[in-house]
Amino acid sequence: MDREESRSLPPPLVVQDPVWARLLLDPLARQTLAPFFGRDTTVGEAAAQLGVKPNTLLRRVQRLVAGGLLHVTGEERRAGRSLKRYRVASERFFVPFALTDAVTLEDLLMQAVEEPNRLIARGLAQLYGSHAPRLGYLVTRLEGGRIAHDLSLDGLTPIPYGGAHPWFRDARVLRLRPAQAEQFGQELQALLDRYADPQGARYLAFLAFAPLPGRR
């Protein structure tokens, strides 16, 4: 969301309850809330969207209702049973730093990156776990001087990114002028939007870039 789009939206609800703050900063809670933004949704509809079992999602939804972040907006009878529809308490929330458990801003930002990194590591471990006795890191110098470290099964070549379950992981230090950095960020956002397919298999793409601390 760019700044102009953000300005056109109604002002956010300023969170004052520490319980709300913890839930809104919990990646699993935010994922659970996503289908209930902008529309009244049943647990079954949300479960299908998230790719989880309805009973599993129902427990999460009940926790969010108890915490006040989700409201029951309606109830209907269907096939002999009652179906409730839920919606978030607000379309936008602002969690003040003072209401979080973080001691420093760096601590708060670390919390935001820990979960996606953990999920990526878990996914790769599941994919290559049976090869663990042979698996290791291949550290090598590439053309241009960059030092790469890649997963390897034989100590000679990196595990390829393609195959039946394609994946990709890379990190490097870039030298960017301000205009280039702005364009780079816009292109990353556009790339995520371009490949969003609600009918496809679930992959986690975690993209981030920022100025490095210390001397430039």
N, C-alpha and C. Protein backbone atom coordinates (compact mmCIF):
# COMPACT_ATOMS: atom_id res chain seq x y z
N MET A 1 0.84 -1.20 0.00
CA MET A 1 0.00 0.00 0.00
C MET A 1 0.88 1.24 0.00
N ASP A 2 0.68 2.16 -0.97
CA ASP A 2 1.49 3.36 -1.00
C ASP A 2 0.86 4.43 -0.10
N ARG A 3 1.58 5.56 0.05
CA ARG A 3 1.13 6.60 0.98
C ARG A 3 -0.17 7.25 0.53
N GLU A 4 -0.32 7.46 -0.78
CA GLU A 4 -1.53 8.09 -1.27
C GLU A 4 -2.75 7.21 -1.00
N GLU A 5 -2.61 5.91 -1.23
CA GLU A 5 -3.71 4.98 -0.97
C GLU A 5 -4.03 4.96 0.52
N SER A 6 -2.99 5.02 1.35
CA SER A 6 -3.20 4.99 2.80
C SER A 6 -3.96 6.22 3.27
N ARG A 7 -3.66 7.38 2.67
CA ARG A 7 -4.34 8.62 3.08
C ARG A 7 -5.83 8.60 2.74
N SER A 8 -6.21 7.85 1.72
CA SER A 8 -7.61 7.83 1.29
C SER A 8 -8.47 6.93 2.16
N LEU A 9 -7.87 6.12 3.02
CA LEU A 9 -8.60 5.20 3.88
C LEU A 9 -9.03 5.89 5.17
N PRO A 10 -10.05 5.38 5.85
CA PRO A 10 -10.46 5.97 7.12
C PRO A 10 -9.35 5.84 8.15
N PRO A 11 -9.34 6.72 9.16
CA PRO A 11 -8.28 6.64 10.17
C PRO A 11 -8.33 5.32 10.93
N PRO A 12 -7.18 4.81 11.35
CA PRO A 12 -7.16 3.52 12.04
C PRO A 12 -7.67 3.63 13.47
N LEU A 13 -8.09 2.50 14.00
CA LEU A 13 -8.46 2.41 15.40
C LEU A 13 -7.18 2.29 16.22
N VAL A 14 -6.96 3.22 17.13
CA VAL A 14 -5.76 3.20 17.97
C VAL A 14 -5.97 2.17 19.09
N VAL A 15 -5.13 1.16 19.09
CA VAL A 15 -5.26 0.07 20.06
C VAL A 15 -4.82 0.55 21.44
N GLN A 16 -5.63 0.25 22.44
CA GLN A 16 -5.32 0.63 23.82
C GLN A 16 -5.26 -0.57 24.76
N ASP A 17 -5.64 -1.74 24.23
CA ASP A 17 -5.66 -2.96 25.04
C ASP A 17 -4.41 -3.79 24.73
N PRO A 18 -3.58 -4.12 25.74
CA PRO A 18 -2.39 -4.93 25.50
C PRO A 18 -2.71 -6.30 24.88
N VAL A 19 -3.88 -6.86 25.17
CA VAL A 19 -4.27 -8.14 24.57
C VAL A 19 -4.43 -7.98 23.07
N TRP A 20 -5.09 -6.90 22.65
CA TRP A 20 -5.23 -6.62 21.22
C TRP A 20 -3.86 -6.45 20.58
N ALA A 21 -2.97 -5.71 21.28
CA ALA A 21 -1.64 -5.47 20.73
C ALA A 21 -0.90 -6.78 20.49
N ARG A 22 -0.95 -7.69 21.45
CA ARG A 22 -0.26 -8.97 21.30
C ARG A 22 -0.84 -9.77 20.14
N LEU A 23 -2.16 -9.76 20.01
CA LEU A 23 -2.79 -10.52 18.93
C LEU A 23 -2.46 -9.93 17.56
N LEU A 24 -2.50 -8.61 17.44
CA LEU A 24 -2.25 -7.98 16.15
C LEU A 24 -0.79 -8.11 15.73
N LEU A 25 0.12 -8.32 16.67
CA LEU A 25 1.53 -8.51 16.34
C LEU A 25 1.90 -9.98 16.25
N ASP A 26 0.91 -10.86 16.43
CA ASP A 26 1.13 -12.30 16.31
C ASP A 26 0.85 -12.69 14.86
N PRO A 27 1.86 -13.22 14.13
CA PRO A 27 1.65 -13.55 12.71
C PRO A 27 0.49 -14.52 12.48
N LEU A 28 0.32 -15.50 13.36
CA LEU A 28 -0.76 -16.47 13.19
C LEU A 28 -2.11 -15.80 13.37
N ALA A 29 -2.21 -14.90 14.35
CA ALA A 29 -3.47 -14.18 14.57
C ALA A 29 -3.80 -13.28 13.39
N ARG A 30 -2.80 -12.61 12.82
CA ARG A 30 -3.03 -11.75 11.66
C ARG A 30 -3.47 -12.57 10.46
N GLN A 31 -2.85 -13.73 10.28
CA GLN A 31 -3.25 -14.61 9.18
C GLN A 31 -4.70 -15.04 9.35
N THR A 32 -5.09 -15.34 10.58
CA THR A 32 -6.47 -15.74 10.85
C THR A 32 -7.44 -14.60 10.59
N LEU A 33 -7.04 -13.38 10.89
CA LEU A 33 -7.91 -12.22 10.71
C LEU A 33 -8.11 -11.84 9.25
N ALA A 34 -7.14 -12.18 8.39
CA ALA A 34 -7.14 -11.67 7.01
C ALA A 34 -8.45 -11.86 6.27
N PRO A 35 -9.10 -13.04 6.29
CA PRO A 35 -10.34 -13.21 5.51
C PRO A 35 -11.52 -12.39 6.04
N PHE A 36 -11.40 -11.84 7.25
CA PHE A 36 -12.52 -11.14 7.87
C PHE A 36 -12.42 -9.63 7.72
N PHE A 37 -11.43 -9.16 6.97
CA PHE A 37 -11.33 -7.74 6.65
C PHE A 37 -12.21 -7.45 5.43
N GLY A 38 -13.04 -6.46 5.55
CA GLY A 38 -13.81 -5.99 4.40
C GLY A 38 -15.07 -6.76 4.08
N ARG A 39 -15.35 -7.86 4.79
CA ARG A 39 -16.58 -8.60 4.51
C ARG A 39 -16.94 -9.49 5.68
N ASP A 40 -18.20 -9.87 5.75
CA ASP A 40 -18.69 -10.80 6.76
C ASP A 40 -18.44 -12.22 6.26
N THR A 41 -17.71 -13.01 7.01
CA THR A 41 -17.22 -14.30 6.53
C THR A 41 -17.49 -15.40 7.54
N THR A 42 -17.84 -16.59 7.05
CA THR A 42 -18.00 -17.75 7.92
C THR A 42 -16.64 -18.41 8.12
N VAL A 43 -16.56 -19.25 9.14
CA VAL A 43 -15.33 -19.99 9.41
C VAL A 43 -14.99 -20.90 8.23
N GLY A 44 -16.01 -21.53 7.64
CA GLY A 44 -15.76 -22.42 6.50
C GLY A 44 -15.18 -21.67 5.31
N GLU A 45 -15.73 -20.50 5.02
CA GLU A 45 -15.22 -19.70 3.90
C GLU A 45 -13.78 -19.27 4.15
N ALA A 46 -13.53 -18.83 5.40
CA ALA A 46 -12.17 -18.38 5.74
C ALA A 46 -11.19 -19.54 5.71
N ALA A 47 -11.61 -20.73 6.18
CA ALA A 47 -10.73 -21.89 6.18
C ALA A 47 -10.34 -22.28 4.77
N ALA A 48 -11.31 -22.22 3.84
CA ALA A 48 -11.01 -22.54 2.44
C ALA A 48 -10.01 -21.55 1.86
N GLN A 49 -10.14 -20.29 2.22
CA GLN A 49 -9.24 -19.26 1.72
C GLN A 49 -7.83 -19.44 2.27
N LEU A 50 -7.74 -19.84 3.56
CA LEU A 50 -6.44 -19.98 4.20
C LEU A 50 -5.81 -21.36 3.99
N GLY A 51 -6.60 -22.32 3.52
CA GLY A 51 -6.08 -23.66 3.32
C GLY A 51 -5.85 -24.43 4.60
N VAL A 52 -6.73 -24.22 5.60
CA VAL A 52 -6.63 -24.93 6.88
C VAL A 52 -7.95 -25.64 7.16
N LYS A 53 -7.94 -26.52 8.15
CA LYS A 53 -9.15 -27.23 8.53
C LYS A 53 -10.09 -26.30 9.28
N PRO A 54 -11.41 -26.38 9.00
CA PRO A 54 -12.37 -25.49 9.68
C PRO A 54 -12.32 -25.60 11.20
N ASN A 55 -12.18 -26.82 11.74
CA ASN A 55 -12.13 -26.97 13.19
C ASN A 55 -10.91 -26.29 13.80
N THR A 56 -9.79 -26.36 13.08
CA THR A 56 -8.58 -25.68 13.55
C THR A 56 -8.78 -24.17 13.55
N LEU A 57 -9.37 -23.66 12.47
CA LEU A 57 -9.60 -22.22 12.37
C LEU A 57 -10.63 -21.76 13.38
N LEU A 58 -11.64 -22.57 13.66
CA LEU A 58 -12.68 -22.18 14.59
C LEU A 58 -12.09 -21.88 15.96
N ARG A 59 -11.14 -22.67 16.41
CA ARG A 59 -10.51 -22.41 17.71
C ARG A 59 -9.78 -21.07 17.71
N ARG A 60 -9.11 -20.76 16.61
CA ARG A 60 -8.43 -19.46 16.52
C ARG A 60 -9.44 -18.32 16.50
N VAL A 61 -10.52 -18.50 15.75
CA VAL A 61 -11.55 -17.47 15.65
C VAL A 61 -12.17 -17.20 17.02
N GLN A 62 -12.44 -18.25 17.76
CA GLN A 62 -13.03 -18.09 19.09
C GLN A 62 -12.10 -17.31 20.01
N ARG A 63 -10.80 -17.53 19.86
CA ARG A 63 -9.83 -16.77 20.65
C ARG A 63 -9.87 -15.29 20.29
N LEU A 64 -10.00 -14.99 19.01
CA LEU A 64 -10.04 -13.60 18.56
C LEU A 64 -11.35 -12.93 18.93
N VAL A 65 -12.44 -13.68 18.93
CA VAL A 65 -13.72 -13.14 19.38
C VAL A 65 -13.64 -12.81 20.87
N ALA A 66 -13.06 -13.72 21.64
CA ALA A 66 -12.90 -13.49 23.08
C ALA A 66 -12.02 -12.28 23.35
N GLY A 67 -11.02 -12.06 22.47
CA GLY A 67 -10.14 -10.91 22.63
C GLY A 67 -10.73 -9.62 22.11
N GLY A 68 -11.87 -9.70 21.42
CA GLY A 68 -12.55 -8.50 20.94
C GLY A 68 -12.16 -8.04 19.56
N LEU A 69 -11.26 -8.76 18.88
CA LEU A 69 -10.82 -8.33 17.56
C LEU A 69 -11.78 -8.76 16.45
N LEU A 70 -12.55 -9.82 16.69
CA LEU A 70 -13.58 -10.26 15.76
C LEU A 70 -14.94 -10.13 16.40
N HIS A 71 -15.93 -9.73 15.61
CA HIS A 71 -17.31 -9.62 16.07
C HIS A 71 -18.20 -10.55 15.25
N VAL A 72 -19.20 -11.11 15.89
CA VAL A 72 -20.22 -11.87 15.18
C VAL A 72 -21.18 -10.87 14.55
N THR A 73 -21.31 -10.90 13.23
CA THR A 73 -22.16 -9.92 12.54
C THR A 73 -23.48 -10.50 12.06
N GLY A 74 -23.63 -11.81 12.14
CA GLY A 74 -24.88 -12.42 11.70
C GLY A 74 -24.86 -13.91 11.92
N GLU A 75 -26.03 -14.50 11.84
CA GLU A 75 -26.15 -15.94 12.03
C GLU A 75 -27.27 -16.44 11.13
N GLU A 76 -27.01 -17.53 10.44
CA GLU A 76 -28.01 -18.07 9.52
C GLU A 76 -28.09 -19.59 9.66
N ARG A 77 -29.25 -20.13 9.33
CA ARG A 77 -29.44 -21.57 9.36
C ARG A 77 -29.16 -22.13 7.98
N ARG A 78 -28.34 -23.16 7.92
CA ARG A 78 -28.02 -23.77 6.63
C ARG A 78 -27.80 -25.27 6.85
N ALA A 79 -28.54 -26.08 6.09
CA ALA A 79 -28.41 -27.55 6.18
C ALA A 79 -28.58 -28.03 7.62
N GLY A 80 -29.54 -27.42 8.32
CA GLY A 80 -29.84 -27.87 9.66
C GLY A 80 -28.89 -27.42 10.73
N ARG A 81 -27.95 -26.53 10.41
CA ARG A 81 -27.04 -26.05 11.44
C ARG A 81 -26.88 -24.54 11.33
N SER A 82 -26.40 -23.97 12.40
CA SER A 82 -26.26 -22.52 12.46
C SER A 82 -24.86 -22.10 12.04
N LEU A 83 -24.79 -21.13 11.13
CA LEU A 83 -23.51 -20.61 10.67
C LEU A 83 -23.39 -19.14 11.07
N LYS A 84 -22.31 -18.82 11.77
CA LYS A 84 -22.06 -17.44 12.17
C LYS A 84 -21.13 -16.77 11.16
N ARG A 85 -21.38 -15.49 10.98
CA ARG A 85 -20.49 -14.68 10.15
C ARG A 85 -19.74 -13.70 11.05
N TYR A 86 -18.46 -13.50 10.72
CA TYR A 86 -17.59 -12.68 11.56
C TYR A 86 -16.96 -11.57 10.72
N ARG A 87 -16.55 -10.52 11.43
CA ARG A 87 -15.86 -9.41 10.77
C ARG A 87 -14.94 -8.75 11.79
N VAL A 88 -13.85 -8.16 11.31
CA VAL A 88 -12.92 -7.51 12.22
C VAL A 88 -13.57 -6.28 12.85
N ALA A 89 -13.08 -5.94 14.04
CA ALA A 89 -13.64 -4.80 14.78
C ALA A 89 -13.37 -3.48 14.08
N SER A 90 -12.33 -3.43 13.24
CA SER A 90 -12.01 -2.23 12.47
C SER A 90 -11.26 -2.67 11.22
N GLU A 91 -11.32 -1.85 10.17
CA GLU A 91 -10.60 -2.18 8.95
C GLU A 91 -9.12 -1.82 9.04
N ARG A 92 -8.76 -0.98 10.03
CA ARG A 92 -7.37 -0.58 10.22
C ARG A 92 -7.11 -0.44 11.71
N PHE A 93 -5.90 -0.84 12.13
CA PHE A 93 -5.50 -0.74 13.53
C PHE A 93 -4.13 -0.07 13.62
N PHE A 94 -3.93 0.69 14.68
CA PHE A 94 -2.61 1.25 14.97
C PHE A 94 -2.20 0.79 16.36
N VAL A 95 -1.09 0.04 16.44
CA VAL A 95 -0.58 -0.46 17.72
C VAL A 95 0.59 0.42 18.14
N PRO A 96 0.43 1.27 19.16
CA PRO A 96 1.55 2.11 19.62
C PRO A 96 2.70 1.25 20.15
N PHE A 97 3.90 1.70 19.88
CA PHE A 97 5.08 0.97 20.35
C PHE A 97 5.04 0.75 21.85
N ALA A 98 4.57 1.75 22.60
CA ALA A 98 4.55 1.66 24.07
C ALA A 98 3.66 0.53 24.57
N LEU A 99 2.74 0.05 23.73
CA LEU A 99 1.81 -0.99 24.14
C LEU A 99 2.35 -2.39 23.83
N THR A 100 3.49 -2.47 23.16
CA THR A 100 4.06 -3.77 22.82
C THR A 100 4.95 -4.27 23.95
N ASP A 101 5.37 -5.54 23.83
CA ASP A 101 6.27 -6.14 24.82
C ASP A 101 7.73 -5.86 24.51
N ALA A 102 8.02 -5.22 23.39
CA ALA A 102 9.40 -5.00 22.98
C ALA A 102 10.07 -3.94 23.84
N VAL A 103 11.33 -4.17 24.15
CA VAL A 103 12.10 -3.19 24.92
C VAL A 103 12.63 -2.09 24.02
N THR A 104 13.08 -2.47 22.83
CA THR A 104 13.60 -1.51 21.86
C THR A 104 12.88 -1.70 20.53
N LEU A 105 13.03 -0.70 19.65
CA LEU A 105 12.44 -0.81 18.32
C LEU A 105 13.08 -1.96 17.55
N GLU A 106 14.36 -2.19 17.74
CA GLU A 106 15.02 -3.31 17.07
C GLU A 106 14.40 -4.64 17.50
N ASP A 107 14.08 -4.76 18.80
CA ASP A 107 13.42 -5.98 19.28
C ASP A 107 12.08 -6.19 18.57
N LEU A 108 11.32 -5.10 18.41
CA LEU A 108 10.01 -5.19 17.77
C LEU A 108 10.14 -5.62 16.31
N LEU A 109 11.13 -5.04 15.61
CA LEU A 109 11.33 -5.39 14.22
C LEU A 109 11.84 -6.82 14.06
N MET A 110 12.64 -7.29 15.01
CA MET A 110 13.11 -8.67 14.96
C MET A 110 11.94 -9.65 15.09
N GLN A 111 10.98 -9.31 15.93
CA GLN A 111 9.80 -10.16 16.08
C GLN A 111 9.07 -10.31 14.74
N ALA A 112 9.08 -9.24 13.94
CA ALA A 112 8.36 -9.26 12.67
C ALA A 112 9.02 -10.18 11.65
N VAL A 113 10.34 -10.38 11.75
CA VAL A 113 11.03 -11.21 10.75
C VAL A 113 11.27 -12.63 11.23
N GLU A 114 11.14 -12.87 12.52
CA GLU A 114 11.43 -14.20 13.05
C GLU A 114 10.47 -15.26 12.49
N GLU A 115 9.17 -14.95 12.45
CA GLU A 115 8.20 -15.95 12.04
C GLU A 115 8.34 -16.34 10.57
N PRO A 116 8.42 -15.39 9.63
CA PRO A 116 8.60 -15.83 8.23
C PRO A 116 9.89 -16.59 8.01
N ASN A 117 10.97 -16.19 8.67
CA ASN A 117 12.22 -16.93 8.53
C ASN A 117 12.11 -18.33 9.09
N ARG A 118 11.39 -18.46 10.20
CA ARG A 118 11.20 -19.78 10.81
C ARG A 118 10.38 -20.68 9.88
N LEU A 119 9.34 -20.11 9.25
CA LEU A 119 8.51 -20.89 8.35
C LEU A 119 9.30 -21.34 7.11
N ILE A 120 10.14 -20.47 6.59
CA ILE A 120 10.96 -20.83 5.44
C ILE A 120 11.92 -21.96 5.83
N ALA A 121 12.57 -21.83 6.99
CA ALA A 121 13.49 -22.87 7.45
C ALA A 121 12.75 -24.19 7.65
N ARG A 122 11.54 -24.11 8.20
CA ARG A 122 10.75 -25.33 8.44
C ARG A 122 10.36 -26.00 7.12
N GLY A 123 10.00 -25.18 6.13
CA GLY A 123 9.61 -25.73 4.84
C GLY A 123 10.78 -26.42 4.15
N LEU A 124 11.98 -25.80 4.20
CA LEU A 124 13.15 -26.41 3.57
C LEU A 124 13.60 -27.65 4.34
N ALA A 125 13.47 -27.62 5.66
CA ALA A 125 13.83 -28.79 6.46
C ALA A 125 12.92 -29.96 6.14
N GLN A 126 11.64 -29.67 5.92
CA GLN A 126 10.71 -30.73 5.56
C GLN A 126 11.03 -31.29 4.17
N LEU A 127 11.44 -30.40 3.27
CA LEU A 127 11.72 -30.80 1.90
C LEU A 127 12.98 -31.67 1.81
N TYR A 128 14.00 -31.33 2.61
CA TYR A 128 15.28 -32.01 2.50
C TYR A 128 15.66 -32.78 3.76
N GLY A 129 14.73 -32.96 4.68
CA GLY A 129 15.04 -33.62 5.94
C GLY A 129 15.60 -35.02 5.78
N SER A 130 15.11 -35.78 4.80
CA SER A 130 15.58 -37.15 4.61
C SER A 130 17.04 -37.20 4.14
N HIS A 131 17.56 -36.06 3.66
CA HIS A 131 18.95 -36.00 3.20
C HIS A 131 19.88 -35.41 4.25
N ALA A 132 19.37 -35.18 5.45
CA ALA A 132 20.14 -34.48 6.48
C ALA A 132 21.55 -35.02 6.70
N PRO A 133 21.76 -36.37 6.73
CA PRO A 133 23.14 -36.85 6.96
C PRO A 133 24.14 -36.38 5.90
N ARG A 134 23.66 -36.12 4.67
CA ARG A 134 24.57 -35.71 3.59
C ARG A 134 24.54 -34.20 3.35
N LEU A 135 23.63 -33.52 4.00
CA LEU A 135 23.40 -32.11 3.71
C LEU A 135 24.42 -31.21 4.42
N GLY A 136 24.80 -30.14 3.77
CA GLY A 136 25.70 -29.17 4.38
C GLY A 136 25.67 -27.87 3.60
N TYR A 137 26.52 -26.93 3.98
CA TYR A 137 26.62 -25.65 3.29
C TYR A 137 27.87 -25.63 2.42
N LEU A 138 27.71 -25.20 1.20
CA LEU A 138 28.82 -24.99 0.28
C LEU A 138 29.12 -23.49 0.25
N VAL A 139 30.28 -23.11 0.75
CA VAL A 139 30.70 -21.71 0.76
C VAL A 139 31.74 -21.53 -0.33
N THR A 140 31.45 -20.63 -1.26
CA THR A 140 32.34 -20.47 -2.41
C THR A 140 32.34 -19.03 -2.92
N ARG A 141 33.39 -18.68 -3.62
CA ARG A 141 33.51 -17.34 -4.21
C ARG A 141 33.00 -17.39 -5.64
N LEU A 142 32.06 -16.51 -5.96
CA LEU A 142 31.49 -16.44 -7.29
C LEU A 142 32.22 -15.40 -8.13
N GLU A 143 31.97 -15.43 -9.43
CA GLU A 143 32.54 -14.39 -10.30
C GLU A 143 32.04 -13.03 -9.82
N GLY A 144 32.92 -12.08 -9.77
CA GLY A 144 32.57 -10.78 -9.25
C GLY A 144 32.96 -10.60 -7.81
N GLY A 145 33.38 -11.70 -7.16
CA GLY A 145 33.89 -11.57 -5.80
C GLY A 145 32.89 -11.88 -4.70
N ARG A 146 31.61 -12.09 -5.03
CA ARG A 146 30.63 -12.35 -3.97
C ARG A 146 30.83 -13.74 -3.39
N ILE A 147 30.73 -13.83 -2.05
CA ILE A 147 30.85 -15.10 -1.36
C ILE A 147 29.45 -15.66 -1.15
N ALA A 148 29.18 -16.83 -1.71
CA ALA A 148 27.86 -17.45 -1.61
C ALA A 148 27.91 -18.63 -0.65
N HIS A 149 26.81 -18.85 0.06
CA HIS A 149 26.68 -20.06 0.88
C HIS A 149 25.34 -20.69 0.54
N ASP A 150 25.41 -21.92 0.02
CA ASP A 150 24.22 -22.60 -0.48
C ASP A 150 24.16 -24.01 0.10
N LEU A 151 22.93 -24.51 0.24
CA LEU A 151 22.76 -25.90 0.64
C LEU A 151 23.32 -26.82 -0.43
N SER A 152 23.99 -27.88 -0.01
CA SER A 152 24.58 -28.81 -0.96
C SER A 152 24.45 -30.23 -0.41
N LEU A 153 24.27 -31.18 -1.33
CA LEU A 153 24.18 -32.59 -0.96
C LEU A 153 25.49 -33.34 -1.18
N ASP A 154 26.36 -32.78 -2.04
CA ASP A 154 27.58 -33.49 -2.37
C ASP A 154 28.85 -32.69 -2.07
N GLY A 155 28.69 -31.47 -1.59
CA GLY A 155 29.86 -30.64 -1.31
C GLY A 155 30.51 -30.06 -2.54
N LEU A 156 29.91 -30.31 -3.71
CA LEU A 156 30.47 -29.83 -4.96
C LEU A 156 29.57 -28.80 -5.64
N THR A 157 28.26 -29.04 -5.61
CA THR A 157 27.31 -28.16 -6.29
C THR A 157 26.17 -27.81 -5.34
N PRO A 158 25.60 -26.61 -5.48
CA PRO A 158 24.44 -26.24 -4.65
C PRO A 158 23.21 -27.04 -5.06
N ILE A 159 22.29 -27.22 -4.13
CA ILE A 159 21.00 -27.81 -4.46
C ILE A 159 20.29 -26.85 -5.42
N PRO A 160 19.82 -27.34 -6.56
CA PRO A 160 19.17 -26.43 -7.53
C PRO A 160 17.87 -25.87 -6.98
N TYR A 161 17.56 -24.66 -7.42
CA TYR A 161 16.35 -23.98 -6.95
C TYR A 161 15.09 -24.53 -7.60
N GLY A 162 15.22 -25.17 -8.76
CA GLY A 162 14.04 -25.66 -9.48
C GLY A 162 13.62 -27.02 -9.00
N GLY A 163 12.98 -27.78 -9.91
CA GLY A 163 12.55 -29.13 -9.57
C GLY A 163 11.08 -29.19 -9.25
N ALA A 164 10.68 -30.29 -8.62
CA ALA A 164 9.26 -30.51 -8.32
C ALA A 164 8.74 -29.50 -7.32
N HIS A 165 9.62 -29.05 -6.41
CA HIS A 165 9.22 -28.07 -5.39
C HIS A 165 10.19 -26.89 -5.44
N PRO A 166 10.01 -25.98 -6.40
CA PRO A 166 10.97 -24.89 -6.56
C PRO A 166 11.02 -23.97 -5.35
N TRP A 167 12.20 -23.48 -5.06
CA TRP A 167 12.39 -22.55 -3.95
C TRP A 167 13.58 -21.67 -4.30
N PHE A 168 13.73 -20.60 -3.55
CA PHE A 168 14.82 -19.67 -3.81
C PHE A 168 15.16 -18.95 -2.52
N ARG A 169 16.45 -18.77 -2.30
CA ARG A 169 16.89 -18.00 -1.14
C ARG A 169 18.20 -17.31 -1.50
N ASP A 170 18.28 -16.04 -1.22
CA ASP A 170 19.50 -15.30 -1.55
C ASP A 170 19.54 -14.04 -0.68
N ALA A 171 20.72 -13.55 -0.45
CA ALA A 171 20.90 -12.29 0.29
C ALA A 171 22.23 -11.70 -0.16
N ARG A 172 22.25 -10.41 -0.36
CA ARG A 172 23.49 -9.76 -0.76
C ARG A 172 23.43 -8.28 -0.42
N VAL A 173 24.59 -7.66 -0.33
CA VAL A 173 24.69 -6.23 -0.09
C VAL A 173 24.70 -5.52 -1.44
N LEU A 174 23.77 -4.61 -1.63
CA LEU A 174 23.68 -3.84 -2.87
C LEU A 174 24.13 -2.40 -2.63
N ARG A 175 24.71 -1.82 -3.63
CA ARG A 175 25.04 -0.39 -3.61
C ARG A 175 23.98 0.32 -4.45
N LEU A 176 23.12 1.11 -3.81
CA LEU A 176 22.01 1.75 -4.51
C LEU A 176 21.98 3.24 -4.21
N ARG A 177 21.75 4.01 -5.26
CA ARG A 177 21.46 5.43 -5.07
C ARG A 177 20.00 5.56 -4.62
N PRO A 178 19.61 6.69 -4.00
CA PRO A 178 18.24 6.83 -3.49
C PRO A 178 17.17 6.51 -4.52
N ALA A 179 17.31 7.00 -5.74
CA ALA A 179 16.30 6.74 -6.77
C ALA A 179 16.27 5.26 -7.13
N GLN A 180 17.43 4.62 -7.15
CA GLN A 180 17.48 3.19 -7.46
C GLN A 180 16.82 2.38 -6.34
N ALA A 181 17.08 2.78 -5.08
CA ALA A 181 16.49 2.07 -3.95
C ALA A 181 14.97 2.16 -3.98
N GLU A 182 14.47 3.35 -4.33
CA GLU A 182 13.02 3.52 -4.41
C GLU A 182 12.43 2.65 -5.52
N GLN A 183 13.08 2.64 -6.67
CA GLN A 183 12.60 1.82 -7.78
C GLN A 183 12.68 0.33 -7.45
N PHE A 184 13.75 -0.07 -6.78
CA PHE A 184 13.92 -1.47 -6.40
C PHE A 184 12.79 -1.92 -5.49
N GLY A 185 12.44 -1.11 -4.50
CA GLY A 185 11.33 -1.45 -3.60
C GLY A 185 10.00 -1.56 -4.33
N GLN A 186 9.76 -0.65 -5.26
CA GLN A 186 8.52 -0.70 -6.04
C GLN A 186 8.46 -1.97 -6.90
N GLU A 187 9.59 -2.36 -7.48
CA GLU A 187 9.61 -3.55 -8.31
C GLU A 187 9.41 -4.82 -7.49
N LEU A 188 9.94 -4.86 -6.27
CA LEU A 188 9.72 -6.01 -5.40
C LEU A 188 8.24 -6.14 -5.07
N GLN A 189 7.61 -5.01 -4.74
CA GLN A 189 6.18 -5.03 -4.43
C GLN A 189 5.37 -5.48 -5.64
N ALA A 190 5.71 -4.97 -6.81
CA ALA A 190 4.99 -5.35 -8.03
C ALA A 190 5.19 -6.83 -8.34
N LEU A 191 6.37 -7.36 -8.04
CA LEU A 191 6.63 -8.78 -8.28
C LEU A 191 5.74 -9.66 -7.41
N LEU A 192 5.60 -9.29 -6.15
CA LEU A 192 4.71 -10.04 -5.26
C LEU A 192 3.27 -10.00 -5.78
N ASP A 193 2.83 -8.82 -6.18
CA ASP A 193 1.46 -8.67 -6.68
C ASP A 193 1.25 -9.46 -7.98
N ARG A 194 2.27 -9.47 -8.82
CA ARG A 194 2.16 -10.14 -10.12
C ARG A 194 1.94 -11.63 -9.99
N TYR A 195 2.59 -12.24 -9.00
CA TYR A 195 2.53 -13.70 -8.90
C TYR A 195 1.53 -14.19 -7.86
N ALA A 196 0.68 -13.34 -7.35
CA ALA A 196 -0.34 -13.76 -6.39
C ALA A 196 -1.45 -14.50 -7.12
N ASP A 197 -1.56 -15.80 -6.89
CA ASP A 197 -2.57 -16.64 -7.55
C ASP A 197 -3.33 -17.40 -6.48
N PRO A 198 -4.59 -17.03 -6.22
CA PRO A 198 -5.35 -17.69 -5.15
C PRO A 198 -5.59 -19.17 -5.39
N GLN A 199 -5.41 -19.65 -6.63
CA GLN A 199 -5.64 -21.05 -6.93
C GLN A 199 -4.36 -21.89 -6.88
N GLY A 200 -3.24 -21.27 -6.67
CA GLY A 200 -1.97 -21.99 -6.70
C GLY A 200 -1.59 -22.61 -5.37
N ALA A 201 -0.48 -23.36 -5.38
CA ALA A 201 0.06 -23.94 -4.15
C ALA A 201 0.59 -22.82 -3.25
N ARG A 202 0.69 -23.10 -1.96
CA ARG A 202 1.09 -22.08 -0.99
C ARG A 202 2.61 -22.02 -0.87
N TYR A 203 3.17 -20.86 -1.16
CA TYR A 203 4.59 -20.57 -0.97
C TYR A 203 4.71 -19.31 -0.12
N LEU A 204 5.75 -19.23 0.66
CA LEU A 204 6.01 -18.01 1.43
C LEU A 204 7.12 -17.24 0.75
N ALA A 205 6.83 -16.02 0.32
CA ALA A 205 7.85 -15.13 -0.24
C ALA A 205 8.08 -14.01 0.77
N PHE A 206 9.27 -13.92 1.30
CA PHE A 206 9.60 -12.91 2.31
C PHE A 206 10.68 -12.01 1.73
N LEU A 207 10.31 -10.82 1.31
CA LEU A 207 11.24 -9.88 0.69
C LEU A 207 11.44 -8.69 1.60
N ALA A 208 12.67 -8.27 1.74
CA ALA A 208 12.96 -7.09 2.57
C ALA A 208 14.29 -6.49 2.13
N PHE A 209 14.39 -5.19 2.22
CA PHE A 209 15.68 -4.55 2.05
C PHE A 209 15.66 -3.24 2.82
N ALA A 210 16.80 -2.83 3.32
CA ALA A 210 16.91 -1.62 4.14
C ALA A 210 18.36 -1.17 4.16
N PRO A 211 18.61 0.10 4.45
CA PRO A 211 19.99 0.55 4.59
C PRO A 211 20.70 -0.22 5.71
N LEU A 212 21.94 -0.60 5.48
CA LEU A 212 22.69 -1.30 6.51
C LEU A 212 23.11 -0.31 7.61
N PRO A 213 23.15 -0.77 8.87
CA PRO A 213 23.58 0.11 9.95
C PRO A 213 25.06 0.42 9.85
N GLY A 214 25.47 1.47 10.52
CA GLY A 214 26.89 1.82 10.54
C GLY A 214 27.26 2.71 9.38
N ARG A 215 28.51 2.68 9.02
CA ARG A 215 29.03 3.55 7.96
C ARG A 215 28.50 3.12 6.61
N ARG A 216 28.19 4.09 5.75
CA ARG A 216 27.71 3.80 4.40
C ARG A 216 28.92 3.66 3.45
